[in-house]
């Protein structure tokens, strides 16, 4: 059976969420994950599975989880179902 996740990539929603997270917090999370600081808004997306929701970024070496989004307001609409 394939793994099913939900993804959200609306730039307006992501921009609002990133402002809520803040540059300092995002920088700390990237340092903890040993990832370079993301620079392009269009390469961010949200991914949600049964357990939790993650902020992910498309780096040149592949997609990586930047941080887990437990305490932030998430959009209710605009999610796309994806089979992995």
C-alpha atoms as a PDB file:
ATOM      1  CA  UNK A   1       0.000   0.000   0.000  1.00  0.00           C
ATOM      2  CA  UNK A   2       1.286   3.433  -0.906  1.00  0.00           C
ATOM      3  CA  UNK A   3       1.803   6.154   1.644  1.00  0.00           C
ATOM      4  CA  UNK A   4      -0.703   9.010   1.248  1.00  0.00           C
ATOM      5  CA  UNK A   5       0.115  12.541   2.370  1.00  0.00           C
ATOM      6  CA  UNK A   6      -1.467  15.943   1.891  1.00  0.00           C
ATOM      7  CA  UNK A   7       0.532  18.859   0.496  1.00  0.00           C
ATOM      8  CA  UNK A   8      -0.063  22.587   0.452  1.00  0.00           C
ATOM      9  CA  UNK A   9       2.023  25.015  -1.606  1.00  0.00           C
ATOM     10  CA  UNK A  10       0.058  28.295  -1.725  1.00  0.00           C
ATOM     11  CA  UNK A  11       2.667  31.083  -1.619  1.00  0.00           C
ATOM     12  CA  UNK A  12       0.382  33.519   0.212  1.00  0.00           C
ATOM     13  CA  UNK A  13      -0.317  31.002   3.001  1.00  0.00           C
ATOM     14  CA  UNK A  14       3.354  30.028   3.244  1.00  0.00           C
ATOM     15  CA  UNK A  15       4.461  33.662   3.387  1.00  0.00           C
ATOM     16  CA  UNK A  16       2.037  34.327   6.257  1.00  0.00           C
ATOM     17  CA  UNK A  17       3.184  31.168   8.082  1.00  0.00           C
ATOM     18  CA  UNK A  18       6.866  32.040   7.663  1.00  0.00           C
ATOM     19  CA  UNK A  19       6.231  35.512   9.091  1.00  0.00           C
ATOM     20  CA  UNK A  20       4.525  33.877  12.080  1.00  0.00           C
ATOM     21  CA  UNK A  21       7.465  31.481  12.556  1.00  0.00           C
ATOM     22  CA  UNK A  22      10.034  34.263  12.238  1.00  0.00           C
ATOM     23  CA  UNK A  23      13.476  34.391  10.666  1.00  0.00           C
ATOM     24  CA  UNK A  24      15.299  33.652  13.924  1.00  0.00           C
ATOM     25  CA  UNK A  25      13.291  30.478  14.660  1.00  0.00           C
ATOM     26  CA  UNK A  26      13.626  29.264  11.060  1.00  0.00           C
ATOM     27  CA  UNK A  27      17.380  29.864  11.193  1.00  0.00           C
ATOM     28  CA  UNK A  28      17.646  27.847  14.446  1.00  0.00           C
ATOM     29  CA  UNK A  29      15.743  24.936  12.921  1.00  0.00           C
ATOM     30  CA  UNK A  30      17.957  24.933   9.820  1.00  0.00           C
ATOM     31  CA  UNK A  31      21.088  24.931  11.977  1.00  0.00           C
ATOM     32  CA  UNK A  32      19.734  22.031  14.048  1.00  0.00           C
ATOM     33  CA  UNK A  33      19.028  20.034  10.872  1.00  0.00           C
ATOM     34  CA  UNK A  34      22.404  21.086   9.365  1.00  0.00           C
ATOM     35  CA  UNK A  35      20.686  22.634   6.332  1.00  0.00           C
ATOM     36  CA  UNK A  36      21.486  25.916   4.576  1.00  0.00           C
ATOM     37  CA  UNK A  37      19.030  28.748   5.201  1.00  0.00           C
ATOM     38  CA  UNK A  38      16.256  28.648   2.538  1.00  0.00           C
ATOM     39  CA  UNK A  39      16.105  31.687   0.291  1.00  0.00           C
ATOM     40  CA  UNK A  40      13.182  31.187  -2.137  1.00  0.00           C
ATOM     41  CA  UNK A  41       9.550  31.249  -1.037  1.00  0.00           C
ATOM     42  CA  UNK A  42       8.434  29.217  -4.057  1.00  0.00           C
ATOM     43  CA  UNK A  43      10.405  26.159  -2.901  1.00  0.00           C
ATOM     44  CA  UNK A  44       8.607  25.795   0.447  1.00  0.00           C
ATOM     45  CA  UNK A  45       5.613  23.522   0.924  1.00  0.00           C
ATOM     46  CA  UNK A  46       3.633  21.928   3.741  1.00  0.00           C
ATOM     47  CA  UNK A  47       3.249  18.176   4.031  1.00  0.00           C
ATOM     48  CA  UNK A  48       0.854  16.461   6.394  1.00  0.00           C
ATOM     49  CA  UNK A  49       0.518  12.773   7.221  1.00  0.00           C
ATOM     50  CA  UNK A  50      -1.524  10.948   9.876  1.00  0.00           C
ATOM     51  CA  UNK A  51       0.786  12.039  12.683  1.00  0.00           C
ATOM     52  CA  UNK A  52       1.812  15.659  12.070  1.00  0.00           C
ATOM     53  CA  UNK A  53       2.506  18.470   9.616  1.00  0.00           C
ATOM     54  CA  UNK A  54       5.947  19.480   8.389  1.00  0.00           C
ATOM     55  CA  UNK A  55       7.405  22.526   6.685  1.00  0.00           C
ATOM     56  CA  UNK A  56       9.569  21.229   3.833  1.00  0.00           C
ATOM     57  CA  UNK A  57      11.937  22.859   1.370  1.00  0.00           C
ATOM     58  CA  UNK A  58      13.178  21.684  -2.046  1.00  0.00           C
ATOM     59  CA  UNK A  59      16.970  21.856  -1.856  1.00  0.00           C
ATOM     60  CA  UNK A  60      19.200  20.890  -4.811  1.00  0.00           C
ATOM     61  CA  UNK A  61      20.099  17.615  -3.089  1.00  0.00           C
ATOM     62  CA  UNK A  62      16.394  16.792  -2.489  1.00  0.00           C
ATOM     63  CA  UNK A  63      13.418  17.722  -0.345  1.00  0.00           C
ATOM     64  CA  UNK A  64      14.095  18.051   3.381  1.00  0.00           C
ATOM     65  CA  UNK A  65      11.994  18.641   6.469  1.00  0.00           C
ATOM     66  CA  UNK A  66      12.882  22.038   7.896  1.00  0.00           C
ATOM     67  CA  UNK A  67      10.628  21.885  10.951  1.00  0.00           C
ATOM     68  CA  UNK A  68       7.598  20.252  12.526  1.00  0.00           C
ATOM     69  CA  UNK A  69       4.569  22.560  12.747  1.00  0.00           C
ATOM     70  CA  UNK A  70       2.737  21.738  15.978  1.00  0.00           C
ATOM     71  CA  UNK A  71       1.810  25.099  17.393  1.00  0.00           C
ATOM     72  CA  UNK A  72       1.129  27.163  14.282  1.00  0.00           C
ATOM     73  CA  UNK A  73      -2.190  27.906  12.566  1.00  0.00           C
ATOM     74  CA  UNK A  74      -2.523  25.804   9.418  1.00  0.00           C
ATOM     75  CA  UNK A  75      -4.776  26.421   6.414  1.00  0.00           C
ATOM     76  CA  UNK A  76      -8.045  24.510   6.198  1.00  0.00           C
ATOM     77  CA  UNK A  77      -8.376  24.518   2.409  1.00  0.00           C
ATOM     78  CA  UNK A  78      -6.032  24.062  -0.517  1.00  0.00           C
ATOM     79  CA  UNK A  79      -4.565  20.689   0.478  1.00  0.00           C
ATOM     80  CA  UNK A  80      -3.765  18.218  -2.319  1.00  0.00           C
ATOM     81  CA  UNK A  81      -3.708  14.461  -1.742  1.00  0.00           C
ATOM     82  CA  UNK A  82      -0.471  12.818  -2.983  1.00  0.00           C
ATOM     83  CA  UNK A  83       0.512   9.146  -3.153  1.00  0.00           C
ATOM     84  CA  UNK A  84       4.193   8.517  -2.420  1.00  0.00           C
END
